[in-house]
Amino acid sequence: MVAAVAVWDHRPSAGELLGARLGRGWAPTATELIEGDVVLGHAACLRPPTPRGGPGAPERDPGPVDGGAATA
């Protein structure tokens, strides 16, 4: 059986939890999206999105916004 142990004397904020994780060596992992690599969640405040292909890369056409449905 595993028991949880609380180490905070108060309910920590998202910033405090993020700071504690970073202090233990954790680093956010970017998710690859059409817009580029993006860190999701509260950790997104650590770095801006990176355009796919790096700086200076040509913009990519995301394709049909409506999922490819034909319009008449």
PDB file of N, CA and C in Angstrom:
ATOM      1  N   MET A   1       0.843  -1.184   0.000  1.00  0.00           N
ATOM      2  CA  MET A   1       0.000   0.000   0.000  1.00  0.00           C
ATOM      3  C   MET A   1       0.890   1.249   0.000  1.00  0.00           C
ATOM      4  N   VAL A   2       0.473   2.253  -0.750  1.00  0.00           N
ATOM      5  CA  VAL A   2       1.218   3.504  -0.843  1.00  0.00           C
ATOM      6  C   VAL A   2       0.426   4.586  -0.137  1.00  0.00           C
ATOM      7  N   ALA A   3       1.102   5.355   0.694  1.00  0.00           N
ATOM      8  CA  ALA A   3       0.453   6.456   1.400  1.00  0.00           C
ATOM      9  C   ALA A   3       1.016   7.778   0.883  1.00  0.00           C
ATOM     10  N   ALA A   4       0.167   8.758   0.723  1.00  0.00           N
ATOM     11  CA  ALA A   4       0.605  10.084   0.283  1.00  0.00           C
ATOM     12  C   ALA A   4       1.043  10.895   1.494  1.00  0.00           C
ATOM     13  N   VAL A   5       2.063  11.712   1.298  1.00  0.00           N
ATOM     14  CA  VAL A   5       2.555  12.567   2.370  1.00  0.00           C
ATOM     15  C   VAL A   5       2.522  13.999   1.877  1.00  0.00           C
ATOM     16  N   ALA A   6       1.824  14.873   2.602  1.00  0.00           N
ATOM     17  CA  ALA A   6       1.751  16.285   2.230  1.00  0.00           C
ATOM     18  C   ALA A   6       2.978  17.012   2.763  1.00  0.00           C
ATOM     19  N   VAL A   7       3.617  17.814   1.917  1.00  0.00           N
ATOM     20  CA  VAL A   7       4.796  18.555   2.334  1.00  0.00           C
ATOM     21  C   VAL A   7       4.539  20.060   2.370  1.00  0.00           C
ATOM     22  N   TRP A   8       3.332  20.472   2.048  1.00  0.00           N
ATOM     23  CA  TRP A   8       2.985  21.886   2.053  1.00  0.00           C
ATOM     24  C   TRP A   8       2.178  22.183   3.318  1.00  0.00           C
ATOM     25  N   ASP A   9       2.400  23.344   3.907  1.00  0.00           N
ATOM     26  CA  ASP A   9       1.603  23.737   5.067  1.00  0.00           C
ATOM     27  C   ASP A   9       0.383  24.563   4.647  1.00  0.00           C
ATOM     28  N   HIS A  10       0.182  24.677   3.318  1.00  0.00           N
ATOM     29  CA  HIS A  10      -0.953  25.393   2.746  1.00  0.00           C
ATOM     30  C   HIS A  10      -1.252  24.774   1.380  1.00  0.00           C
ATOM     31  N   ARG A  11      -2.375  25.161   0.799  1.00  0.00           N
ATOM     32  CA  ARG A  11      -2.692  24.680  -0.547  1.00  0.00           C
ATOM     33  C   ARG A  11      -1.826  25.457  -1.531  1.00  0.00           C
ATOM     34  N   PRO A  12      -0.868  24.800  -2.206  1.00  0.00           N
ATOM     35  CA  PRO A  12       0.048  25.520  -3.090  1.00  0.00           C
ATOM     36  C   PRO A  12      -0.651  26.018  -4.355  1.00  0.00           C
ATOM     37  N   SER A  13      -0.173  27.141  -4.846  1.00  0.00           N
ATOM     38  CA  SER A  13      -0.693  27.685  -6.102  1.00  0.00           C
ATOM     39  C   SER A  13      -0.064  26.917  -7.263  1.00  0.00           C
ATOM     40  N   ALA A  14      -0.602  27.130  -8.455  1.00  0.00           N
ATOM     41  CA  ALA A  14      -0.040  26.481  -9.648  1.00  0.00           C
ATOM     42  C   ALA A  14       1.411  26.906  -9.841  1.00  0.00           C
ATOM     43  N   GLY A  15       1.721  28.157  -9.575  1.00  0.00           N
ATOM     44  CA  GLY A  15       3.085  28.654  -9.716  1.00  0.00           C
ATOM     45  C   GLY A  15       4.042  27.988  -8.723  1.00  0.00           C
ATOM     46  N   GLU A  16       3.579  27.780  -7.495  1.00  0.00           N
ATOM     47  CA  GLU A  16       4.415  27.110  -6.492  1.00  0.00           C
ATOM     48  C   GLU A  16       4.681  25.656  -6.877  1.00  0.00           C
ATOM     49  N   LEU A  17       3.652  24.976  -7.358  1.00  0.00           N
ATOM     50  CA  LEU A  17       3.828  23.581  -7.778  1.00  0.00           C
ATOM     51  C   LEU A  17       4.793  23.486  -8.959  1.00  0.00           C
ATOM     52  N   LEU A  18       4.637  24.396  -9.921  1.00  0.00           N
ATOM     53  CA  LEU A  18       5.530  24.410 -11.075  1.00  0.00           C
ATOM     54  C   LEU A  18       6.962  24.691 -10.634  1.00  0.00           C
ATOM     55  N   GLY A  19       7.137  25.657  -9.742  1.00  0.00           N
ATOM     56  CA  GLY A  19       8.463  25.986  -9.239  1.00  0.00           C
ATOM     57  C   GLY A  19       9.120  24.803  -8.531  1.00  0.00           C
ATOM     58  N   ALA A  20       8.333  24.057  -7.762  1.00  0.00           N
ATOM     59  CA  ALA A  20       8.866  22.884  -7.058  1.00  0.00           C
ATOM     60  C   ALA A  20       9.299  21.812  -8.057  1.00  0.00           C
ATOM     61  N   ARG A  21       8.494  21.593  -9.094  1.00  0.00           N
ATOM     62  CA  ARG A  21       8.864  20.600 -10.116  1.00  0.00           C
ATOM     63  C   ARG A  21      10.134  21.013 -10.841  1.00  0.00           C
ATOM     64  N   LEU A  22      10.235  22.283 -11.200  1.00  0.00           N
ATOM     65  CA  LEU A  22      11.429  22.777 -11.885  1.00  0.00           C
ATOM     66  C   LEU A  22      12.658  22.639 -10.981  1.00  0.00           C
ATOM     67  N   GLY A  23      12.467  22.881  -9.689  1.00  0.00           N
ATOM     68  CA  GLY A  23      13.558  22.765  -8.738  1.00  0.00           C
ATOM     69  C   GLY A  23      14.090  21.345  -8.605  1.00  0.00           C
ATOM     70  N   ARG A  24      13.247  20.356  -8.920  1.00  0.00           N
ATOM     71  CA  ARG A  24      13.670  18.952  -8.867  1.00  0.00           C
ATOM     72  C   ARG A  24      14.212  18.476 -10.218  1.00  0.00           C
ATOM     73  N   GLY A  25      14.363  19.399 -11.182  1.00  0.00           N
ATOM     74  CA  GLY A  25      14.957  19.034 -12.459  1.00  0.00           C
ATOM     75  C   GLY A  25      13.969  18.709 -13.566  1.00  0.00           C
ATOM     76  N   TRP A  26      12.680  18.859 -13.307  1.00  0.00           N
ATOM     77  CA  TRP A  26      11.670  18.587 -14.336  1.00  0.00           C
ATOM     78  C   TRP A  26      11.740  19.668 -15.403  1.00  0.00           C
ATOM     79  N   ALA A  27      11.474  19.299 -16.643  1.00  0.00           N
ATOM     80  CA  ALA A  27      11.403  20.262 -17.746  1.00  0.00           C
ATOM     81  C   ALA A  27      10.165  19.949 -18.582  1.00  0.00           C
ATOM     82  N   PRO A  28       9.442  20.970 -19.030  1.00  0.00           N
ATOM     83  CA  PRO A  28       8.245  20.718 -19.831  1.00  0.00           C
ATOM     84  C   PRO A  28       8.587  20.125 -21.193  1.00  0.00           C
ATOM     85  N   THR A  29       7.691  19.305 -21.698  1.00  0.00           N
ATOM     86  CA  THR A  29       7.835  18.702 -23.018  1.00  0.00           C
ATOM     87  C   THR A  29       6.839  19.364 -23.953  1.00  0.00           C
ATOM     88  N   ALA A  30       7.317  19.827 -25.083  1.00  0.00           N
ATOM     89  CA  ALA A  30       6.439  20.486 -26.050  1.00  0.00           C
ATOM     90  C   ALA A  30       5.619  19.449 -26.809  1.00  0.00           C
ATOM     91  N   THR A  31       4.404  19.826 -27.150  1.00  0.00           N
ATOM     92  CA  THR A  31       3.522  19.010 -27.972  1.00  0.00           C
ATOM     93  C   THR A  31       3.552  19.566 -29.385  1.00  0.00           C
ATOM     94  N   GLU A  32       3.717  18.709 -30.378  1.00  0.00           N
ATOM     95  CA  GLU A  32       3.802  19.154 -31.767  1.00  0.00           C
ATOM     96  C   GLU A  32       2.390  19.401 -32.300  1.00  0.00           C
ATOM     97  N   LEU A  33       2.090  20.655 -32.592  1.00  0.00           N
ATOM     98  CA  LEU A  33       0.802  21.048 -33.158  1.00  0.00           C
ATOM     99  C   LEU A  33       1.034  21.663 -34.533  1.00  0.00           C
ATOM    100  N   ILE A  34      -0.027  21.891 -35.267  1.00  0.00           N
ATOM    101  CA  ILE A  34       0.083  22.518 -36.587  1.00  0.00           C
ATOM    102  C   ILE A  34       0.762  23.881 -36.469  1.00  0.00           C
ATOM    103  N   GLU A  35       0.463  24.610 -35.395  1.00  0.00           N
ATOM    104  CA  GLU A  35       1.023  25.940 -35.198  1.00  0.00           C
ATOM    105  C   GLU A  35       2.496  25.901 -34.813  1.00  0.00           C
ATOM    106  N   GLY A  36       3.010  24.746 -34.468  1.00  0.00           N
ATOM    107  CA  GLY A  36       4.394  24.596 -34.015  1.00  0.00           C
ATOM    108  C   GLY A  36       4.436  23.832 -32.714  1.00  0.00           C
ATOM    109  N   ASP A  37       5.610  23.746 -32.117  1.00  0.00           N
ATOM    110  CA  ASP A  37       5.763  23.052 -30.846  1.00  0.00           C
ATOM    111  C   ASP A  37       5.271  23.961 -29.734  1.00  0.00           C
ATOM    112  N   VAL A  38       4.361  23.445 -28.887  1.00  0.00           N
ATOM    113  CA  VAL A  38       3.728  24.246 -27.849  1.00  0.00           C
ATOM    114  C   VAL A  38       3.785  23.489 -26.534  1.00  0.00           C
ATOM    115  N   VAL A  39       4.143  24.191 -25.470  1.00  0.00           N
ATOM    116  CA  VAL A  39       4.052  23.635 -24.130  1.00  0.00           C
ATOM    117  C   VAL A  39       2.644  23.948 -23.644  1.00  0.00           C
ATOM    118  N   LEU A  40       1.930  22.922 -23.218  1.00  0.00           N
ATOM    119  CA  LEU A  40       0.553  23.091 -22.778  1.00  0.00           C
ATOM    120  C   LEU A  40       0.479  23.206 -21.256  1.00  0.00           C
ATOM    121  N   GLY A  41      -0.659  23.681 -20.753  1.00  0.00           N
ATOM    122  CA  GLY A  41      -0.875  23.778 -19.318  1.00  0.00           C
ATOM    123  C   GLY A  41      -0.188  24.994 -18.719  1.00  0.00           C
ATOM    124  N   HIS A  42      -0.065  24.993 -17.398  1.00  0.00           N
ATOM    125  CA  HIS A  42       0.523  26.143 -16.692  1.00  0.00           C
ATOM    126  C   HIS A  42       1.991  26.343 -17.068  1.00  0.00           C
ATOM    127  N   ALA A  43       2.679  25.282 -17.453  1.00  0.00           N
ATOM    128  CA  ALA A  43       4.088  25.387 -17.833  1.00  0.00           C
ATOM    129  C   ALA A  43       4.268  26.213 -19.104  1.00  0.00           C
ATOM    130  N   ALA A  44       3.182  26.500 -19.821  1.00  0.00           N
ATOM    131  CA  ALA A  44       3.273  27.312 -21.043  1.00  0.00           C
ATOM    132  C   ALA A  44       3.798  28.710 -20.746  1.00  0.00           C
ATOM    133  N   CYS A  45       3.683  29.158 -19.498  1.00  0.00           N
ATOM    134  CA  CYS A  45       4.174  30.500 -19.161  1.00  0.00           C
ATOM    135  C   CYS A  45       5.701  30.556 -19.181  1.00  0.00           C
ATOM    136  N   LEU A  46       6.362  29.402 -19.305  1.00  0.00           N
ATOM    137  CA  LEU A  46       7.823  29.364 -19.282  1.00  0.00           C
ATOM    138  C   LEU A  46       8.463  29.729 -20.608  1.00  0.00           C
ATOM    139  N   ARG A  47       7.792  29.441 -21.735  1.00  0.00           N
ATOM    140  CA  ARG A  47       8.388  29.762 -23.029  1.00  0.00           C
ATOM    141  C   ARG A  47       7.298  29.942 -24.084  1.00  0.00           C
ATOM    142  N   PRO A  48       7.573  30.811 -25.065  1.00  0.00           N
ATOM    143  CA  PRO A  48       6.584  31.035 -26.140  1.00  0.00           C
ATOM    144  C   PRO A  48       6.585  29.868 -27.115  1.00  0.00           C
ATOM    145  N   PRO A  49       5.524  29.721 -27.916  1.00  0.00           N
ATOM    146  CA  PRO A  49       5.483  28.654 -28.914  1.00  0.00           C
ATOM    147  C   PRO A  49       6.607  28.805 -29.941  1.00  0.00           C
ATOM    148  N   THR A  50       7.111  27.692 -30.437  1.00  0.00           N
ATOM    149  CA  THR A  50       8.152  27.694 -31.465  1.00  0.00           C
ATOM    150  C   THR A  50       7.505  27.337 -32.794  1.00  0.00           C
ATOM    151  N   PRO A  51       7.626  28.194 -33.824  1.00  0.00           N
ATOM    152  CA  PRO A  51       7.033  27.850 -35.114  1.00  0.00           C
ATOM    153  C   PRO A  51       7.642  26.569 -35.661  1.00  0.00           C
ATOM    154  N   ARG A  52       6.814  25.752 -36.305  1.00  0.00           N
ATOM    155  CA  ARG A  52       7.308  24.503 -36.896  1.00  0.00           C
ATOM    156  C   ARG A  52       8.381  24.838 -37.915  1.00  0.00           C
ATOM    157  N   GLY A  53       9.459  24.118 -37.895  1.00  0.00           N
ATOM    158  CA  GLY A  53      10.548  24.349 -38.835  1.00  0.00           C
ATOM    159  C   GLY A  53      11.555  25.360 -38.335  1.00  0.00           C
ATOM    160  N   GLY A  54      11.312  25.963 -37.184  1.00  0.00           N
ATOM    161  CA  GLY A  54      12.269  26.894 -36.598  1.00  0.00           C
ATOM    162  C   GLY A  54      12.083  28.305 -37.107  1.00  0.00           C
ATOM    163  N   PRO A  55      12.897  29.215 -36.601  1.00  0.00           N
ATOM    164  CA  PRO A  55      12.787  30.614 -37.002  1.00  0.00           C
ATOM    165  C   PRO A  55      13.014  30.799 -38.503  1.00  0.00           C
ATOM    166  N   GLY A  56      12.195  31.628 -39.113  1.00  0.00           N
ATOM    167  CA  GLY A  56      12.348  31.927 -40.530  1.00  0.00           C
ATOM    168  C   GLY A  56      11.749  30.893 -41.470  1.00  0.00           C
ATOM    169  N   ALA A  57      11.147  29.834 -40.916  1.00  0.00           N
ATOM    170  CA  ALA A  57      10.551  28.801 -41.764  1.00  0.00           C
ATOM    171  C   ALA A  57       9.297  29.363 -42.433  1.00  0.00           C
ATOM    172  N   PRO A  58       9.022  28.941 -43.652  1.00  0.00           N
ATOM    173  CA  PRO A  58       7.814  29.429 -44.323  1.00  0.00           C
ATOM    174  C   PRO A  58       6.571  28.938 -43.598  1.00  0.00           C
ATOM    175  N   GLU A  59       5.522  29.758 -43.664  1.00  0.00           N
ATOM    176  CA  GLU A  59       4.274  29.355 -43.028  1.00  0.00           C
ATOM    177  C   GLU A  59       3.667  28.195 -43.783  1.00  0.00           C
ATOM    178  N   ARG A  60       3.024  27.323 -43.065  1.00  0.00           N
ATOM    179  CA  ARG A  60       2.425  26.131 -43.641  1.00  0.00           C
ATOM    180  C   ARG A  60       0.926  26.313 -43.776  1.00  0.00           C
ATOM    181  N   ASP A  61       0.360  25.891 -44.876  1.00  0.00           N
ATOM    182  CA  ASP A  61      -1.075  25.949 -45.079  1.00  0.00           C
ATOM    183  C   ASP A  61      -1.710  24.854 -44.232  1.00  0.00           C
ATOM    184  N   PRO A  62      -2.567  25.222 -43.255  1.00  0.00           N
ATOM    185  CA  PRO A  62      -3.163  24.215 -42.388  1.00  0.00           C
ATOM    186  C   PRO A  62      -4.238  23.374 -43.064  1.00  0.00           C
ATOM    187  N   GLY A  63      -4.574  23.689 -44.313  1.00  0.00           N
ATOM    188  CA  GLY A  63      -5.603  22.929 -45.008  1.00  0.00           C
ATOM    189  C   GLY A  63      -6.980  23.476 -44.728  1.00  0.00           C
ATOM    190  N   PRO A  64      -8.017  22.762 -45.131  1.00  0.00           N
ATOM    191  CA  PRO A  64      -9.387  23.246 -44.948  1.00  0.00           C
ATOM    192  C   PRO A  64      -9.739  23.380 -43.478  1.00  0.00           C
ATOM    193  N   VAL A  65     -10.334  24.492 -43.118  1.00  0.00           N
ATOM    194  CA  VAL A  65     -10.731  24.731 -41.740  1.00  0.00           C
ATOM    195  C   VAL A  65     -11.974  23.915 -41.401  1.00  0.00           C
ATOM    196  N   ASP A  66     -12.826  23.653 -42.401  1.00  0.00           N
ATOM    197  CA  ASP A  66     -14.081  22.947 -42.150  1.00  0.00           C
ATOM    198  C   ASP A  66     -13.931  21.431 -42.217  1.00  0.00           C
ATOM    199  N   GLY A  67     -12.715  20.927 -42.218  1.00  0.00           N
ATOM    200  CA  GLY A  67     -12.501  19.483 -42.274  1.00  0.00           C
ATOM    201  C   GLY A  67     -12.599  18.918 -43.678  1.00  0.00           C
ATOM    202  N   GLY A  68     -12.616  19.768 -44.679  1.00  0.00           N
ATOM    203  CA  GLY A  68     -12.633  19.301 -46.061  1.00  0.00           C
ATOM    204  C   GLY A  68     -14.012  19.226 -46.688  1.00  0.00           C
ATOM    205  N   ALA A  69     -15.029  19.677 -45.980  1.00  0.00           N
ATOM    206  CA  ALA A  69     -16.379  19.630 -46.534  1.00  0.00           C
ATOM    207  C   ALA A  69     -16.480  20.600 -47.722  1.00  0.00           C
ATOM    208  N   ALA A  70     -17.079  20.141 -48.788  1.00  0.00           N
ATOM    209  CA  ALA A  70     -17.233  20.983 -49.988  1.00  0.00           C
ATOM    210  C   ALA A  70     -18.307  22.022 -49.755  1.00  0.00           C
ATOM    211  N   THR A  71     -18.090  23.200 -50.307  1.00  0.00           N
ATOM    212  CA  THR A  71     -19.108  24.251 -50.219  1.00  0.00           C
ATOM    213  C   THR A  71     -19.659  24.508 -51.604  1.00  0.00           C
ATOM    214  N   ALA A  72     -20.935  24.803 -51.675  1.00  0.00           N
ATOM    215  CA  ALA A  72     -21.571  25.036 -52.980  1.00  0.00           C
ATOM    216  C   ALA A  72     -21.802  26.483 -53.229  1.00  0.00           C
TER     217      ALA A  72
END
